[in-house]
Amino acid sequence: MKEVKRKKLEEKGWKVGTVAEFLDLTPEETTLIEIKLALSRHLKERRQKLMTQTVLAEKLHSSQPRIAKAENGDASVSIELLIRAMLATGATPQEIGQVIAQVG
């Protein structure tokens, strides 16, 4: 956020901060969320090049809406499902590790 906009909001009584501050997240919780979002984005990019959500869902014995949730960073989706989905698109453990390592 631009400093000018921040100052205007604060002058009007608004408190400006990060999502982590607003939700009172620990650094570990913040990092976990960032990892899940990075995995979700990478999954969507890979999957779009290779197959439909329906095809990926069939490979995972899941549903297309569940894959959509995974790709959109829905909090109900586990890291396990994200990793299984990435592996099903042909990602290697090394690629998954690189996505995680880029967080932070």
N, C-alpha and C. Protein backbone atom coordinates (compact mmCIF):
# COMPACT_ATOMS: atom_id res chain seq x y z
N MET A 1 0.85 -1.17 0.00
CA MET A 1 0.00 0.00 0.00
C MET A 1 0.90 1.23 0.00
N LYS A 2 0.49 2.21 -0.77
CA LYS A 2 1.26 3.45 -0.83
C LYS A 2 1.17 4.19 0.49
N GLU A 3 2.26 4.83 0.85
CA GLU A 3 2.34 5.53 2.13
C GLU A 3 1.29 6.63 2.26
N VAL A 4 1.01 7.34 1.17
CA VAL A 4 0.01 8.42 1.21
C VAL A 4 -1.36 7.85 1.56
N LYS A 5 -1.72 6.75 0.93
CA LYS A 5 -3.01 6.13 1.19
C LYS A 5 -3.08 5.62 2.63
N ARG A 6 -1.99 5.03 3.10
CA ARG A 6 -1.93 4.52 4.46
C ARG A 6 -2.17 5.66 5.46
N LYS A 7 -1.50 6.78 5.25
CA LYS A 7 -1.65 7.92 6.16
C LYS A 7 -3.07 8.45 6.17
N LYS A 8 -3.69 8.54 4.99
CA LYS A 8 -5.08 9.02 4.91
C LYS A 8 -6.01 8.11 5.69
N LEU A 9 -5.83 6.80 5.56
CA LEU A 9 -6.68 5.85 6.28
C LEU A 9 -6.47 5.97 7.78
N GLU A 10 -5.22 6.07 8.20
CA GLU A 10 -4.92 6.18 9.63
C GLU A 10 -5.47 7.48 10.21
N GLU A 11 -5.43 8.56 9.42
CA GLU A 11 -5.98 9.84 9.87
C GLU A 11 -7.48 9.75 10.11
N LYS A 12 -8.15 8.87 9.36
CA LYS A 12 -9.60 8.70 9.50
C LYS A 12 -9.96 7.65 10.54
N GLY A 13 -8.94 7.15 11.26
CA GLY A 13 -9.20 6.22 12.34
C GLY A 13 -9.05 4.75 12.00
N TRP A 14 -8.67 4.46 10.77
CA TRP A 14 -8.49 3.07 10.37
C TRP A 14 -7.15 2.56 10.86
N LYS A 15 -7.12 1.31 11.25
CA LYS A 15 -5.86 0.66 11.61
C LYS A 15 -5.39 -0.12 10.38
N VAL A 16 -4.16 0.12 9.98
CA VAL A 16 -3.62 -0.52 8.80
C VAL A 16 -2.55 -1.51 9.22
N GLY A 17 -2.64 -2.72 8.70
CA GLY A 17 -1.66 -3.74 9.05
C GLY A 17 -1.72 -4.89 8.06
N THR A 18 -1.07 -5.97 8.42
CA THR A 18 -1.04 -7.15 7.56
C THR A 18 -2.18 -8.10 7.92
N VAL A 19 -2.41 -9.05 7.05
CA VAL A 19 -3.41 -10.08 7.32
C VAL A 19 -3.01 -10.87 8.56
N ALA A 20 -1.73 -11.17 8.67
CA ALA A 20 -1.23 -11.94 9.81
C ALA A 20 -1.51 -11.20 11.12
N GLU A 21 -1.33 -9.88 11.11
CA GLU A 21 -1.62 -9.09 12.31
C GLU A 21 -3.11 -9.10 12.62
N PHE A 22 -3.92 -8.93 11.58
CA PHE A 22 -5.38 -8.89 11.76
C PHE A 22 -5.90 -10.21 12.33
N LEU A 23 -5.37 -11.32 11.83
CA LEU A 23 -5.81 -12.65 12.27
C LEU A 23 -5.03 -13.16 13.46
N ASP A 24 -4.05 -12.39 13.92
CA ASP A 24 -3.21 -12.77 15.04
C ASP A 24 -2.53 -14.12 14.80
N LEU A 25 -1.92 -14.25 13.62
CA LEU A 25 -1.24 -15.49 13.26
C LEU A 25 0.19 -15.50 13.78
N THR A 26 0.64 -16.68 14.16
CA THR A 26 2.04 -16.84 14.53
C THR A 26 2.86 -16.86 13.24
N PRO A 27 4.16 -16.64 13.34
CA PRO A 27 5.00 -16.74 12.14
C PRO A 27 4.89 -18.12 11.46
N GLU A 28 4.75 -19.15 12.26
CA GLU A 28 4.62 -20.51 11.70
C GLU A 28 3.32 -20.66 10.92
N GLU A 29 2.22 -20.13 11.46
CA GLU A 29 0.93 -20.20 10.77
C GLU A 29 0.97 -19.41 9.46
N THR A 30 1.62 -18.26 9.50
CA THR A 30 1.75 -17.43 8.31
C THR A 30 2.54 -18.16 7.24
N THR A 31 3.64 -18.79 7.62
CA THR A 31 4.46 -19.53 6.67
C THR A 31 3.70 -20.71 6.09
N LEU A 32 2.96 -21.42 6.91
CA LEU A 32 2.18 -22.56 6.43
C LEU A 32 1.16 -22.11 5.39
N ILE A 33 0.49 -21.01 5.63
CA ILE A 33 -0.48 -20.49 4.67
C ILE A 33 0.22 -20.10 3.37
N GLU A 34 1.36 -19.45 3.49
CA GLU A 34 2.12 -19.06 2.28
C GLU A 34 2.56 -20.28 1.48
N ILE A 35 2.95 -21.35 2.16
CA ILE A 35 3.35 -22.59 1.48
C ILE A 35 2.15 -23.17 0.74
N LYS A 36 1.00 -23.25 1.41
CA LYS A 36 -0.19 -23.80 0.76
C LYS A 36 -0.59 -22.98 -0.46
N LEU A 37 -0.50 -21.66 -0.36
CA LEU A 37 -0.86 -20.81 -1.49
C LEU A 37 0.13 -20.99 -2.64
N ALA A 38 1.41 -21.12 -2.33
CA ALA A 38 2.41 -21.33 -3.38
C ALA A 38 2.18 -22.67 -4.08
N LEU A 39 1.88 -23.71 -3.31
CA LEU A 39 1.59 -25.01 -3.90
C LEU A 39 0.34 -24.94 -4.77
N SER A 40 -0.68 -24.24 -4.31
CA SER A 40 -1.92 -24.09 -5.07
C SER A 40 -1.68 -23.41 -6.41
N ARG A 41 -0.92 -22.31 -6.39
CA ARG A 41 -0.63 -21.58 -7.63
C ARG A 41 0.16 -22.45 -8.60
N HIS A 42 1.15 -23.14 -8.08
CA HIS A 42 1.99 -23.99 -8.93
C HIS A 42 1.17 -25.14 -9.51
N LEU A 43 0.31 -25.72 -8.70
CA LEU A 43 -0.55 -26.80 -9.18
C LEU A 43 -1.41 -26.32 -10.33
N LYS A 44 -2.03 -25.17 -10.18
CA LYS A 44 -2.91 -24.64 -11.23
C LYS A 44 -2.13 -24.41 -12.53
N GLU A 45 -0.95 -23.82 -12.42
CA GLU A 45 -0.12 -23.58 -13.61
C GLU A 45 0.23 -24.89 -14.31
N ARG A 46 0.67 -25.89 -13.55
CA ARG A 46 1.05 -27.17 -14.13
C ARG A 46 -0.16 -27.86 -14.76
N ARG A 47 -1.25 -27.92 -14.01
CA ARG A 47 -2.42 -28.64 -14.46
C ARG A 47 -2.99 -28.03 -15.74
N GLN A 48 -3.02 -26.70 -15.84
CA GLN A 48 -3.58 -26.05 -17.02
C GLN A 48 -2.83 -26.41 -18.29
N LYS A 49 -1.55 -26.71 -18.17
CA LYS A 49 -0.74 -27.09 -19.33
C LYS A 49 -0.97 -28.53 -19.75
N LEU A 50 -1.47 -29.35 -18.83
CA LEU A 50 -1.48 -30.80 -19.06
C LEU A 50 -2.86 -31.44 -19.16
N MET A 51 -3.83 -30.96 -18.38
CA MET A 51 -5.10 -31.69 -18.29
C MET A 51 -6.19 -30.81 -17.70
N THR A 52 -7.40 -31.30 -17.75
CA THR A 52 -8.51 -30.58 -17.13
C THR A 52 -8.59 -30.92 -15.64
N GLN A 53 -9.35 -30.13 -14.94
CA GLN A 53 -9.57 -30.43 -13.52
C GLN A 53 -10.25 -31.79 -13.37
N THR A 54 -11.14 -32.11 -14.27
CA THR A 54 -11.88 -33.38 -14.20
C THR A 54 -10.92 -34.57 -14.34
N VAL A 55 -10.00 -34.47 -15.29
CA VAL A 55 -9.03 -35.55 -15.50
C VAL A 55 -8.16 -35.72 -14.25
N LEU A 56 -7.69 -34.60 -13.70
CA LEU A 56 -6.87 -34.68 -12.49
C LEU A 56 -7.67 -35.27 -11.33
N ALA A 57 -8.92 -34.86 -11.20
CA ALA A 57 -9.77 -35.40 -10.14
C ALA A 57 -9.92 -36.91 -10.27
N GLU A 58 -10.10 -37.40 -11.48
CA GLU A 58 -10.21 -38.84 -11.70
C GLU A 58 -8.93 -39.57 -11.30
N LYS A 59 -7.78 -38.98 -11.62
CA LYS A 59 -6.51 -39.59 -11.25
C LYS A 59 -6.36 -39.70 -9.73
N LEU A 60 -6.92 -38.74 -9.02
CA LEU A 60 -6.79 -38.69 -7.57
C LEU A 60 -7.97 -39.33 -6.84
N HIS A 61 -8.93 -39.84 -7.60
CA HIS A 61 -10.16 -40.37 -7.01
C HIS A 61 -10.83 -39.30 -6.14
N SER A 62 -10.90 -38.12 -6.71
CA SER A 62 -11.49 -36.98 -6.03
C SER A 62 -12.56 -36.39 -6.93
N SER A 63 -12.92 -35.13 -6.70
CA SER A 63 -13.94 -34.48 -7.53
C SER A 63 -13.37 -33.21 -8.15
N GLN A 64 -14.01 -32.78 -9.24
CA GLN A 64 -13.57 -31.56 -9.90
C GLN A 64 -13.70 -30.35 -8.98
N PRO A 65 -14.81 -30.20 -8.21
CA PRO A 65 -14.87 -29.06 -7.29
C PRO A 65 -13.75 -29.06 -6.26
N ARG A 66 -13.33 -30.24 -5.83
CA ARG A 66 -12.23 -30.32 -4.86
C ARG A 66 -10.92 -29.83 -5.48
N ILE A 67 -10.69 -30.18 -6.75
CA ILE A 67 -9.49 -29.71 -7.46
C ILE A 67 -9.55 -28.20 -7.61
N ALA A 68 -10.71 -27.67 -7.93
CA ALA A 68 -10.87 -26.21 -8.05
C ALA A 68 -10.53 -25.54 -6.72
N LYS A 69 -11.00 -26.11 -5.63
CA LYS A 69 -10.67 -25.56 -4.31
C LYS A 69 -9.17 -25.62 -4.05
N ALA A 70 -8.55 -26.71 -4.43
CA ALA A 70 -7.10 -26.86 -4.23
C ALA A 70 -6.35 -25.79 -5.01
N GLU A 71 -6.77 -25.55 -6.23
CA GLU A 71 -6.09 -24.57 -7.07
C GLU A 71 -6.33 -23.13 -6.62
N ASN A 72 -7.40 -22.91 -5.89
CA ASN A 72 -7.74 -21.56 -5.45
C ASN A 72 -7.34 -21.29 -4.00
N GLY A 73 -6.59 -22.20 -3.41
CA GLY A 73 -6.06 -21.98 -2.07
C GLY A 73 -7.08 -22.07 -0.96
N ASP A 74 -8.15 -22.83 -1.15
CA ASP A 74 -9.16 -22.99 -0.12
C ASP A 74 -8.53 -23.60 1.13
N ALA A 75 -8.86 -23.03 2.27
CA ALA A 75 -8.27 -23.47 3.54
C ALA A 75 -8.61 -24.91 3.90
N SER A 76 -9.70 -25.44 3.34
CA SER A 76 -10.11 -26.80 3.69
C SER A 76 -9.27 -27.87 2.98
N VAL A 77 -8.45 -27.47 2.04
CA VAL A 77 -7.63 -28.41 1.28
C VAL A 77 -6.32 -28.66 2.02
N SER A 78 -5.99 -29.93 2.19
CA SER A 78 -4.76 -30.29 2.91
C SER A 78 -3.54 -30.16 2.01
N ILE A 79 -2.40 -30.00 2.66
CA ILE A 79 -1.14 -30.00 1.92
C ILE A 79 -0.94 -31.35 1.24
N GLU A 80 -1.41 -32.41 1.90
CA GLU A 80 -1.28 -33.75 1.31
C GLU A 80 -1.97 -33.81 -0.05
N LEU A 81 -3.19 -33.28 -0.15
CA LEU A 81 -3.90 -33.29 -1.43
C LEU A 81 -3.15 -32.44 -2.46
N LEU A 82 -2.64 -31.29 -2.05
CA LEU A 82 -1.89 -30.44 -2.99
C LEU A 82 -0.67 -31.18 -3.53
N ILE A 83 0.05 -31.86 -2.66
CA ILE A 83 1.25 -32.59 -3.10
C ILE A 83 0.87 -33.78 -3.97
N ARG A 84 -0.16 -34.52 -3.57
CA ARG A 84 -0.61 -35.66 -4.40
C ARG A 84 -1.02 -35.18 -5.78
N ALA A 85 -1.72 -34.04 -5.84
CA ALA A 85 -2.16 -33.49 -7.13
C ALA A 85 -0.97 -33.07 -7.98
N MET A 86 0.01 -32.45 -7.35
CA MET A 86 1.19 -32.04 -8.11
C MET A 86 1.94 -33.25 -8.64
N LEU A 87 2.06 -34.28 -7.81
CA LEU A 87 2.71 -35.51 -8.27
C LEU A 87 1.94 -36.13 -9.43
N ALA A 88 0.62 -36.06 -9.39
CA ALA A 88 -0.21 -36.61 -10.47
C ALA A 88 -0.04 -35.83 -11.77
N THR A 89 0.40 -34.58 -11.68
CA THR A 89 0.67 -33.81 -12.90
C THR A 89 2.09 -34.04 -13.41
N GLY A 90 2.85 -34.86 -12.69
CA GLY A 90 4.21 -35.18 -13.13
C GLY A 90 5.30 -34.41 -12.42
N ALA A 91 4.94 -33.60 -11.44
CA ALA A 91 5.96 -32.86 -10.69
C ALA A 91 6.82 -33.84 -9.90
N THR A 92 8.07 -33.51 -9.78
CA THR A 92 8.99 -34.33 -9.00
C THR A 92 9.03 -33.80 -7.56
N PRO A 93 9.49 -34.63 -6.63
CA PRO A 93 9.67 -34.13 -5.27
C PRO A 93 10.60 -32.92 -5.21
N GLN A 94 11.59 -32.89 -6.09
CA GLN A 94 12.51 -31.77 -6.13
C GLN A 94 11.78 -30.48 -6.55
N GLU A 95 10.89 -30.57 -7.54
CA GLU A 95 10.13 -29.39 -7.96
C GLU A 95 9.23 -28.89 -6.84
N ILE A 96 8.59 -29.83 -6.15
CA ILE A 96 7.72 -29.46 -5.02
C ILE A 96 8.55 -28.79 -3.94
N GLY A 97 9.72 -29.34 -3.67
CA GLY A 97 10.62 -28.73 -2.69
C GLY A 97 11.04 -27.33 -3.08
N GLN A 98 11.27 -27.10 -4.38
CA GLN A 98 11.65 -25.77 -4.85
C GLN A 98 10.52 -24.77 -4.64
N VAL A 99 9.29 -25.19 -4.87
CA VAL A 99 8.14 -24.30 -4.65
C VAL A 99 8.09 -23.90 -3.18
N ILE A 100 8.27 -24.87 -2.30
CA ILE A 100 8.23 -24.60 -0.86
C ILE A 100 9.41 -23.72 -0.46
N ALA A 101 10.58 -23.99 -1.01
CA ALA A 101 11.79 -23.25 -0.64
C ALA A 101 11.70 -21.78 -1.05
N GLN A 102 10.90 -21.46 -2.05
CA GLN A 102 10.78 -20.08 -2.52
C GLN A 102 9.91 -19.22 -1.60
N VAL A 103 9.20 -19.84 -0.69
CA VAL A 103 8.34 -19.10 0.23
C VAL A 103 9.20 -18.38 1.25
N GLY A 104 8.82 -17.16 1.53
CA GLY A 104 9.51 -16.42 2.58
C GLY A 104 10.59 -15.62 2.10
